């Protein structure tokens, strides 16, 4: 089958996700409350800003600008090349929009410091399209500033960040959509509805997978970063390491210092569909026992720090089932990514980007039912900004999926020991997993993580 994945798009366009610029301040100054933005009425324009002008930043911004009620007021990035390229794209798109509706649109302002964006009272919402290690602070500060947000996935670098982000969104009552757009595409919506309706009976197991074909090789630092790229601010709260250009834009996802490997990058998509179908609504079922094993088995001498092979096994209660997450070099007779549900009779529902199918235990194709079309993921978020309803991939729900990814990594980093999770406490039970950076990692000074518990 032919398909264009998110990764294909980024490779073809040469895009990576860069982060926002920061001016160092004392942590106490960063946490000061900011004035709330205006309330957006049903007929109002929604004024947005983009933080992070890399690959997915441009994709998300393009989707937003396809909507007639969106205006772009600001762009922010620490890479001047990315910033200027996005600025030119916006100017061109604005010219095309003006040709259609006759409304003149000024070029957006550009910034390196994302906090200057959040200070603007005319901006209603922000797109946060930065590397994973730079999701938490911009999202929490946006909540403090009274702004809604569209945040790329996975929402956080670790479990503590996910909890803090969920607490801030609840505390400030913000509308946040996460970029897990599969929740808005027909094949996934149809498969989830089919499974929830019991069409293949009681589900005993769920399988989710993604082929991991990344290979970085060996690189060494050959000098400082270029003048147009502020590497210190790009590193932000992460550990400072020597600058290697091949390990920044896009490839940061293969290093635990910045991200959570394939398990976070694609697991948050494919396991999310499994969790969603096994739940009654967007308050997801959560595993009680998690075990993750694997390693750099395909290319053990590669510079990446995240494994290329992972098997995650999770046990759930109420309902009782198991979920398996796999990332490896190949998945014979299957798409290179997907989610599969196995019923008590051996029937299966398999879904991937671009299609889904139902088969019986002997492999014969069975009839399926398509769900009604939905509006786009971006349109769903924009509508919810006006109605104050929760979007399909709301932050609280996606915090749960993201935490599942982090729990697999926590077990893997703990040598494959079983990690126990308590959904009511939203925390690991016991010591195992708490000592890994998948649970919490210290912030590089002067950055600190504000903690909100949602009250």
Protein backbone atom coordinates (compact mmCIF):
# COMPACT_ATOMS: atom_id res chain seq x y z
CA UNK A 1 0.00 0.00 0.00
CA UNK A 2 1.18 3.56 -0.69
CA UNK A 3 1.03 6.16 2.01
CA UNK A 4 2.81 9.30 3.17
CA UNK A 5 3.57 9.25 6.87
CA UNK A 6 4.50 12.16 9.10
CA UNK A 7 8.10 10.97 9.00
CA UNK A 8 8.07 10.77 5.20
CA UNK A 9 6.85 14.36 5.05
CA UNK A 10 9.59 15.60 7.35
CA UNK A 11 12.30 13.79 5.43
CA UNK A 12 11.06 14.98 2.04
CA UNK A 13 10.81 18.60 3.16
CA UNK A 14 14.05 18.53 5.13
CA UNK A 15 12.13 19.82 8.15
CA UNK A 16 12.86 19.27 11.79
CA UNK A 17 11.12 20.55 14.84
CA UNK A 18 12.95 23.43 16.41
CA UNK A 19 12.13 25.10 19.64
CA UNK A 20 11.50 28.57 20.90
CA UNK A 21 13.91 31.23 22.03
CA UNK A 22 14.28 32.13 25.68
CA UNK A 23 15.90 34.91 27.63
CA UNK A 24 17.23 33.56 30.91
CA UNK A 25 15.45 34.83 33.99
CA UNK A 26 15.27 33.72 37.56
CA UNK A 27 12.75 30.88 37.97
CA UNK A 28 10.54 33.02 40.22
CA UNK A 29 10.12 35.56 37.43
CA UNK A 30 9.03 32.87 34.99
CA UNK A 31 6.11 31.80 37.16
CA UNK A 32 4.41 35.20 37.52
CA UNK A 33 0.73 35.15 36.46
CA UNK A 34 0.00 36.76 33.12
CA UNK A 35 -3.20 38.62 32.09
CA UNK A 36 -5.88 36.45 30.52
CA UNK A 37 -6.58 36.74 26.81
CA UNK A 38 -9.98 37.75 25.49
CA UNK A 39 -12.91 35.35 25.16
CA UNK A 40 -13.43 34.34 21.52
CA UNK A 41 -17.04 34.63 20.35
CA UNK A 42 -18.64 32.36 17.75
CA UNK A 43 -18.19 34.83 14.89
CA UNK A 44 -14.78 36.16 15.93
CA UNK A 45 -11.51 35.61 14.19
CA UNK A 46 -9.10 33.41 16.15
CA UNK A 47 -5.67 35.02 16.33
CA UNK A 48 -2.88 32.48 16.67
CA UNK A 49 0.90 32.28 16.93
CA UNK A 50 3.30 29.48 16.01
CA UNK A 51 6.04 28.46 18.44
CA UNK A 52 8.48 26.17 16.64
CA UNK A 53 8.78 26.70 12.86
CA UNK A 54 10.13 23.28 11.86
CA UNK A 55 8.49 20.44 9.96
CA UNK A 56 5.29 19.81 11.89
CA UNK A 57 5.07 23.47 12.82
CA UNK A 58 4.62 24.32 9.16
CA UNK A 59 2.18 21.46 8.65
CA UNK A 60 0.01 22.48 11.62
CA UNK A 61 0.16 26.15 10.65
CA UNK A 62 -0.90 25.28 7.11
CA UNK A 63 -3.90 23.38 8.42
CA UNK A 64 -4.83 26.32 10.63
CA UNK A 65 -4.52 28.84 7.80
CA UNK A 66 -6.86 26.72 5.68
CA UNK A 67 -9.61 27.78 8.08
CA UNK A 68 -11.25 31.14 7.22
CA UNK A 69 -11.53 32.36 10.83
CA UNK A 70 -7.81 32.07 11.63
CA UNK A 71 -5.30 34.92 11.48
CA UNK A 72 -1.57 34.50 12.19
CA UNK A 73 -0.06 37.25 14.33
CA UNK A 74 3.35 35.88 15.31
CA UNK A 75 6.01 33.28 14.62
CA UNK A 76 8.70 32.15 17.06
CA UNK A 77 11.85 30.05 16.68
CA UNK A 78 15.51 30.00 17.70
CA UNK A 79 16.61 28.94 14.22
CA UNK A 80 16.54 32.07 12.05
CA UNK A 81 16.48 30.00 8.86
CA UNK A 82 13.36 28.14 9.95
CA UNK A 83 11.80 31.37 11.17
CA UNK A 84 12.41 33.22 7.90
CA UNK A 85 11.28 30.30 5.73
CA UNK A 86 8.02 30.05 7.65
CA UNK A 87 7.53 33.81 7.44
CA UNK A 88 7.79 33.70 3.67
CA UNK A 89 5.33 30.79 3.53
CA UNK A 90 2.82 32.72 5.62
CA UNK A 91 3.17 35.86 3.51
CA UNK A 92 2.55 33.83 0.36
CA UNK A 93 -0.44 32.04 1.86
CA UNK A 94 -1.87 35.35 3.09
CA UNK A 95 -1.63 36.74 -0.41
CA UNK A 96 -3.59 33.75 -1.71
CA UNK A 97 -6.23 34.22 0.99
CA UNK A 98 -6.49 37.94 0.23
CA UNK A 99 -7.04 37.17 -3.44
CA UNK A 100 -10.06 35.08 -2.42
CA UNK A 101 -11.72 37.28 0.19
CA UNK A 102 -10.22 40.73 -0.35
CA UNK A 103 -9.06 41.06 3.28
CA UNK A 104 -5.56 42.45 3.70
CA UNK A 105 -3.45 40.59 6.22
CA UNK A 106 -0.20 42.00 7.61
CA UNK A 107 2.88 39.82 7.86
CA UNK A 108 3.20 38.19 11.29
CA UNK A 109 5.74 39.50 13.76
CA UNK A 110 8.73 37.28 14.48
CA UNK A 111 10.29 36.43 17.85
CA UNK A 112 13.00 34.35 19.43
CA UNK A 113 11.53 34.50 22.93
CA UNK A 114 8.21 32.72 23.18
CA UNK A 115 7.26 34.63 26.32
CA UNK A 116 7.06 37.82 24.28
CA UNK A 117 4.40 36.04 22.20
CA UNK A 118 2.43 35.08 25.31
CA UNK A 119 2.50 38.68 26.58
CA UNK A 120 0.43 39.83 23.62
CA UNK A 121 -3.23 40.19 24.57
CA UNK A 122 -4.37 40.07 20.93
CA UNK A 123 -3.23 36.44 20.56
CA UNK A 124 -5.91 33.92 21.50
CA UNK A 125 -4.04 30.63 21.04
CA UNK A 126 -0.66 29.15 20.20
CA UNK A 127 0.60 26.18 18.23
CA UNK A 128 3.39 24.49 20.21
CA UNK A 129 5.45 22.55 17.67
CA UNK A 130 8.79 22.26 19.44
CA UNK A 131 10.94 19.22 20.31
CA UNK A 132 9.47 17.04 23.06
CA UNK A 133 11.73 18.42 25.79
CA UNK A 134 10.32 21.89 25.08
CA UNK A 135 6.59 21.12 25.23
CA UNK A 136 5.91 21.43 28.96
CA UNK A 137 7.05 24.98 29.73
CA UNK A 138 5.47 26.73 26.71
CA UNK A 139 2.18 24.89 27.33
CA UNK A 140 2.09 25.71 31.04
CA UNK A 141 3.05 29.34 30.45
CA UNK A 142 0.36 29.59 27.75
CA UNK A 143 -2.18 28.36 30.29
CA UNK A 144 -0.97 30.96 32.78
CA UNK A 145 -1.37 33.61 30.08
CA UNK A 146 -4.97 32.55 29.47
CA UNK A 147 -4.28 31.19 25.99
CA UNK A 148 -5.53 27.99 24.44
CA UNK A 149 -3.10 25.72 22.64
CA UNK A 150 -2.53 23.07 20.03
CA UNK A 151 0.42 21.00 21.28
CA UNK A 152 2.38 18.47 19.26
CA UNK A 153 2.77 14.92 20.50
CA UNK A 154 3.98 13.33 22.68
CA UNK A 155 3.00 16.06 25.08
CA UNK A 156 5.95 15.63 27.43
CA UNK A 157 9.46 14.40 27.93
CA UNK A 158 8.55 12.47 31.09
CA UNK A 159 5.73 11.50 33.45
CA UNK A 160 6.13 14.42 35.86
CA UNK A 161 5.84 16.91 32.99
CA UNK A 162 2.68 15.20 31.72
CA UNK A 163 1.10 15.46 35.16
CA UNK A 164 2.08 19.11 35.54
CA UNK A 165 0.72 19.97 32.09
CA UNK A 166 -2.60 18.23 32.77
CA UNK A 167 -2.84 20.06 36.09
CA UNK A 168 -2.19 23.45 34.49
CA UNK A 169 -4.78 22.92 31.74
CA UNK A 170 -7.40 21.96 34.31
CA UNK A 171 -6.47 24.73 36.75
CA UNK A 172 -6.66 27.48 34.12
CA UNK A 173 -9.56 25.84 32.21
CA UNK A 174 -7.85 26.00 28.84
CA UNK A 175 -8.81 24.29 25.59
CA UNK A 176 -5.83 22.22 24.43
CA UNK A 177 -5.80 19.88 21.46
CA UNK A 178 -2.88 17.45 21.05
CA UNK A 179 -1.62 16.68 17.55
CA UNK A 180 -2.74 13.03 17.57
CA UNK A 181 -4.88 13.68 14.51
CA UNK A 182 -5.70 9.99 14.00
CA UNK A 183 -8.59 10.60 16.41
CA UNK A 184 -10.15 12.69 13.62
CA UNK A 185 -9.57 10.46 10.57
CA UNK A 186 -12.27 8.15 9.31
CA UNK A 187 -10.44 4.81 9.33
CA UNK A 188 -9.44 5.17 13.00
CA UNK A 189 -12.79 6.61 14.09
CA UNK A 190 -14.53 3.71 12.32
CA UNK A 191 -12.30 1.02 13.83
CA UNK A 192 -12.68 2.45 17.34
CA UNK A 193 -16.48 2.57 17.02
CA UNK A 194 -16.57 -0.97 15.61
CA UNK A 195 -14.56 -2.38 18.51
CA UNK A 196 -16.50 -0.42 21.13
CA UNK A 197 -19.77 -1.75 19.71
CA UNK A 198 -18.62 -5.33 20.41
CA UNK A 199 -18.69 -6.37 16.75
CA UNK A 200 -15.92 -8.94 17.27
CA UNK A 201 -16.92 -9.77 20.83
CA UNK A 202 -14.88 -9.29 23.96
CA UNK A 203 -11.32 -8.10 23.25
CA UNK A 204 -8.58 -10.21 24.81
CA UNK A 205 -5.51 -8.52 23.41
CA UNK A 206 -4.43 -5.39 21.57
CA UNK A 207 -1.32 -5.12 19.44
CA UNK A 208 0.33 -1.88 18.37
CA UNK A 209 3.53 -1.52 16.39
CA UNK A 210 5.85 0.65 14.31
CA UNK A 211 8.86 -0.22 12.20
CA UNK A 212 11.99 1.56 13.45
CA UNK A 213 14.38 2.04 10.55
CA UNK A 214 16.36 4.99 11.91
CA UNK A 215 20.13 4.76 11.75
CA UNK A 216 22.27 7.73 12.75
CA UNK A 217 25.78 6.32 12.47
CA UNK A 218 28.66 8.11 14.18
CA UNK A 219 29.26 11.85 14.37
CA UNK A 220 31.50 14.05 16.46
CA UNK A 221 31.37 17.69 17.43
CA UNK A 222 33.31 19.79 14.92
CA UNK A 223 32.77 23.21 16.46
CA UNK A 224 30.08 25.48 17.78
CA UNK A 225 26.62 25.99 16.31
CA UNK A 226 26.07 28.43 13.43
CA UNK A 227 25.24 32.05 14.25
CA UNK A 228 21.65 31.67 13.06
CA UNK A 229 20.90 28.83 15.53
CA UNK A 230 20.74 29.46 19.29
CA UNK A 231 21.77 26.03 20.53
CA UNK A 232 21.84 27.02 24.21
CA UNK A 233 18.18 28.01 24.18
CA UNK A 234 17.31 25.05 21.96
CA UNK A 235 18.79 22.80 24.67
CA UNK A 236 16.78 24.65 27.32
CA UNK A 237 16.05 22.47 30.38
CA UNK A 238 17.81 19.43 28.89
CA UNK A 239 21.38 18.46 29.71
CA UNK A 240 23.91 20.52 27.77
CA UNK A 241 26.03 18.34 25.47
CA UNK A 242 28.49 19.29 22.70
CA UNK A 243 26.77 20.56 19.57
CA UNK A 244 26.42 17.98 16.79
CA UNK A 245 24.16 19.25 13.98
CA UNK A 246 23.03 15.76 12.99
CA UNK A 247 21.48 15.30 16.44
CA UNK A 248 19.36 18.45 16.61
CA UNK A 249 16.63 19.07 14.02
CA UNK A 250 14.46 15.96 13.56
CA UNK A 251 17.04 13.49 14.94
CA UNK A 252 16.66 14.72 18.52
CA UNK A 253 13.87 12.14 18.83
CA UNK A 254 16.40 9.29 19.11
CA UNK A 255 18.02 10.65 22.27
CA UNK A 256 16.60 10.33 25.78
CA UNK A 257 18.00 13.77 26.56
CA UNK A 258 15.31 15.29 24.35
CA UNK A 259 12.67 12.65 23.66
CA UNK A 260 11.43 9.11 24.21
CA UNK A 261 12.43 7.26 21.03
CA UNK A 262 10.05 5.43 18.74
CA UNK A 263 7.91 4.42 21.72
CA UNK A 264 7.04 8.05 22.39
CA UNK A 265 7.13 9.25 18.80
CA UNK A 266 4.80 6.64 17.26
CA UNK A 267 3.61 4.69 20.28
CA UNK A 268 1.60 7.73 21.32
CA UNK A 269 -0.28 7.39 18.00
CA UNK A 270 -0.77 3.65 17.72
CA UNK A 271 -1.29 2.74 21.38
CA UNK A 272 -3.65 5.69 21.70
CA UNK A 273 -6.06 4.04 19.28
CA UNK A 274 -5.89 0.83 21.31
CA UNK A 275 -6.56 2.65 24.57
CA UNK A 276 -9.35 4.73 23.04
CA UNK A 277 -11.21 1.72 21.65
CA UNK A 278 -10.97 -0.09 24.99
CA UNK A 279 -12.38 2.93 26.88
CA UNK A 280 -15.91 4.33 27.10
CA UNK A 281 -14.80 7.88 26.30
CA UNK A 282 -11.61 9.95 26.32
CA UNK A 283 -10.91 9.09 29.97
CA UNK A 284 -8.71 6.15 29.07
CA UNK A 285 -8.17 2.77 30.66
CA UNK A 286 -4.65 2.53 32.08
CA UNK A 287 -2.40 -0.50 32.58
CA UNK A 288 -1.72 -1.76 36.09
CA UNK A 289 1.48 -3.65 35.19
CA UNK A 290 4.00 -2.63 32.54
CA UNK A 291 7.13 -4.39 31.33
CA UNK A 292 9.43 -3.08 28.59
CA UNK A 293 12.40 -4.93 27.13
CA UNK A 294 14.65 -4.48 24.12
CA UNK A 295 17.80 -2.63 23.17
CA UNK A 296 19.95 -1.37 20.34
CA UNK A 297 19.88 -4.80 18.75
CA UNK A 298 19.85 -4.01 15.03
CA UNK A 299 22.73 -1.51 15.23
CA UNK A 300 24.31 -1.75 18.68
CA UNK A 301 27.13 0.66 17.80
CA UNK A 302 24.82 3.46 16.63
CA UNK A 303 25.05 6.79 18.46
CA UNK A 304 21.35 6.91 19.34
CA UNK A 305 20.54 6.37 23.02
CA UNK A 306 16.99 5.06 22.55
CA UNK A 307 16.50 1.40 21.55
CA UNK A 308 15.69 0.29 18.01
CA UNK A 309 13.89 -2.80 19.31
CA UNK A 310 11.27 -2.65 22.06
CA UNK A 311 8.62 -5.07 23.29
CA UNK A 312 6.24 -3.58 25.81
CA UNK A 313 3.74 -5.83 27.60
CA UNK A 314 0.90 -4.28 29.60
CA UNK A 315 -1.82 -5.83 31.75
CA UNK A 316 -5.18 -4.06 32.18
CA UNK A 317 -8.04 -4.57 34.61
CA UNK A 318 -11.70 -3.65 34.06
CA UNK A 319 -11.74 -4.56 31.28
CA UNK A 320 -9.25 -7.40 31.44
CA UNK A 321 -6.92 -7.55 28.45
CA UNK A 322 -3.28 -7.26 27.51
CA UNK A 323 -1.61 -4.84 25.11
CA UNK A 324 1.65 -5.43 23.30
CA UNK A 325 3.74 -2.61 21.84
CA UNK A 326 6.44 -3.51 19.34
CA UNK A 327 9.06 -1.48 17.56
CA UNK A 328 11.52 -3.42 15.45
CA UNK A 329 13.01 -3.57 11.96
CA UNK A 330 10.07 -5.24 10.19
CA UNK A 331 6.52 -6.49 10.69
CA UNK A 332 5.90 -9.14 7.98
CA UNK A 333 2.49 -9.11 6.25
CA UNK A 334 1.50 -5.93 8.13
CA UNK A 335 1.76 -2.21 7.40
CA UNK A 336 4.83 -0.58 8.95
CA UNK A 337 2.55 0.82 11.68
CA UNK A 338 -0.85 -0.06 13.05
CA UNK A 339 -3.15 -1.21 15.82
CA UNK A 340 -4.87 -4.58 15.96
CA UNK A 341 -7.63 -5.88 18.22
CA UNK A 342 -8.09 -9.62 18.84
CA UNK A 343 -11.53 -10.83 19.91
CA UNK A 344 -12.43 -13.86 22.00
CA UNK A 345 -13.35 -15.88 18.86
CA UNK A 346 -10.12 -15.00 17.09
CA UNK A 347 -11.62 -12.28 14.88
CA UNK A 348 -9.40 -9.23 14.38
CA UNK A 349 -9.76 -5.56 13.57
CA UNK A 350 -6.62 -4.01 12.09
CA UNK A 351 -6.26 -0.29 11.39
CA UNK A 352 -3.48 1.83 9.92
CA UNK A 353 -3.16 5.22 8.26
CA UNK A 354 -5.18 4.85 5.10
CA UNK A 355 -7.34 1.81 5.85
CA UNK A 356 -8.78 -0.80 8.16
CA UNK A 357 -10.08 -4.35 7.86
CA UNK A 358 -11.95 -7.04 9.78
CA UNK A 359 -11.05 -10.74 9.53
CA UNK A 360 -12.22 -13.94 11.16
CA UNK A 361 -9.96 -16.49 12.86
CA UNK A 362 -9.26 -18.15 9.50
CA UNK A 363 -8.23 -14.88 7.89
CA UNK A 364 -11.39 -14.35 5.82
CA UNK A 365 -12.47 -10.75 5.29
CA UNK A 366 -15.60 -9.78 7.20
CA UNK A 367 -18.00 -6.86 6.61
CA UNK A 368 -17.18 -3.58 8.33
CA UNK A 369 -19.12 -0.41 9.05
CA UNK A 370 -17.76 3.05 8.28
CA UNK A 371 -18.37 5.76 10.84
CA UNK A 372 -19.78 9.10 9.68
CA UNK A 373 -17.11 11.60 8.56
CA UNK A 374 -15.76 14.01 11.17
CA UNK A 375 -14.48 17.53 10.75
CA UNK A 376 -10.72 17.99 10.73
CA UNK A 377 -8.57 17.82 13.84
CA UNK A 378 -7.69 21.51 13.51
CA UNK A 379 -11.31 22.53 12.92
CA UNK A 380 -12.38 20.55 15.98
CA UNK A 381 -9.90 22.52 18.11
CA UNK A 382 -10.95 25.89 16.70
CA UNK A 383 -14.63 25.15 17.27
CA UNK A 384 -13.89 24.13 20.86
CA UNK A 385 -12.03 27.38 21.49
CA UNK A 386 -15.33 29.13 20.80
CA UNK A 387 -17.66 26.70 22.61
CA UNK A 388 -15.22 25.90 25.48
CA UNK A 389 -15.93 22.19 25.01
CA UNK A 390 -13.14 19.62 25.20
CA UNK A 391 -11.56 18.64 21.85
CA UNK A 392 -11.11 15.05 20.67
CA UNK A 393 -7.46 14.83 21.69
CA UNK A 394 -7.80 16.87 24.85
CA UNK A 395 -4.73 17.24 27.03
CA UNK A 396 -6.06 15.20 29.95
CA UNK A 397 -6.73 12.23 27.70
CA UNK A 398 -3.45 12.46 25.84
CA UNK A 399 -1.55 12.79 29.11
CA UNK A 400 -2.75 9.26 29.83
CA UNK A 401 -1.55 7.86 26.50
CA UNK A 402 1.76 9.69 26.80
CA UNK A 403 2.29 8.31 30.30
CA UNK A 404 1.78 4.77 28.97
CA UNK A 405 4.67 5.38 26.55
CA UNK A 406 6.82 6.72 29.38
CA UNK A 407 5.96 3.71 31.55
CA UNK A 408 7.28 1.32 28.90
CA UNK A 409 10.50 3.33 28.72
CA UNK A 410 10.69 3.47 32.52
CA UNK A 411 10.57 -0.32 32.68
CA UNK A 412 13.11 -0.66 29.87
CA UNK A 413 15.50 1.78 31.57
CA UNK A 414 15.02 -0.13 34.84
CA UNK A 415 16.33 -3.29 33.18
CA UNK A 416 12.95 -4.74 32.26
CA UNK A 417 11.55 -4.76 35.79
CA UNK A 418 7.77 -4.57 36.05
CA UNK A 419 6.39 -1.11 36.77
CA UNK A 420 3.06 -0.76 38.60
CA UNK A 421 0.70 2.14 37.88
CA UNK A 422 -2.17 3.49 39.98
CA UNK A 423 -4.64 5.40 37.83
CA UNK A 424 -6.45 7.03 40.74
CA UNK A 425 -3.23 8.42 42.18
CA UNK A 426 -1.86 9.02 38.67
CA UNK A 427 1.48 7.73 39.84
CA UNK A 428 3.90 4.81 39.89
CA UNK A 429 3.45 2.46 42.83
CA UNK A 430 6.76 1.55 44.42
CA UNK A 431 10.32 2.39 43.50
CA UNK A 432 10.75 0.76 40.10
CA UNK A 433 10.51 3.31 37.32
CA UNK A 434 10.68 6.34 39.58
CA UNK A 435 14.47 6.41 39.31
CA UNK A 436 14.51 6.74 35.52
CA UNK A 437 14.38 9.94 33.51
CA UNK A 438 11.15 8.68 31.95
CA UNK A 439 9.54 9.58 35.28
CA UNK A 440 11.38 12.81 36.08
CA UNK A 441 14.62 14.48 35.16
CA UNK A 442 16.29 17.57 36.68
CA UNK A 443 15.95 20.79 34.72
CA UNK A 444 19.09 22.63 33.67
CA UNK A 445 19.27 25.98 35.46
CA UNK A 446 17.64 28.48 35.41
CA UNK A 447 14.64 26.51 34.13
CA UNK A 448 12.15 25.05 36.60
CA UNK A 449 8.93 23.14 36.05
CA UNK A 450 5.82 24.77 37.59
CA UNK A 451 3.67 22.12 39.23
CA UNK A 452 -0.11 22.39 39.01
CA UNK A 453 -2.34 19.68 40.43
CA UNK A 454 -5.49 20.79 38.64
CA UNK A 455 -7.39 22.26 41.61
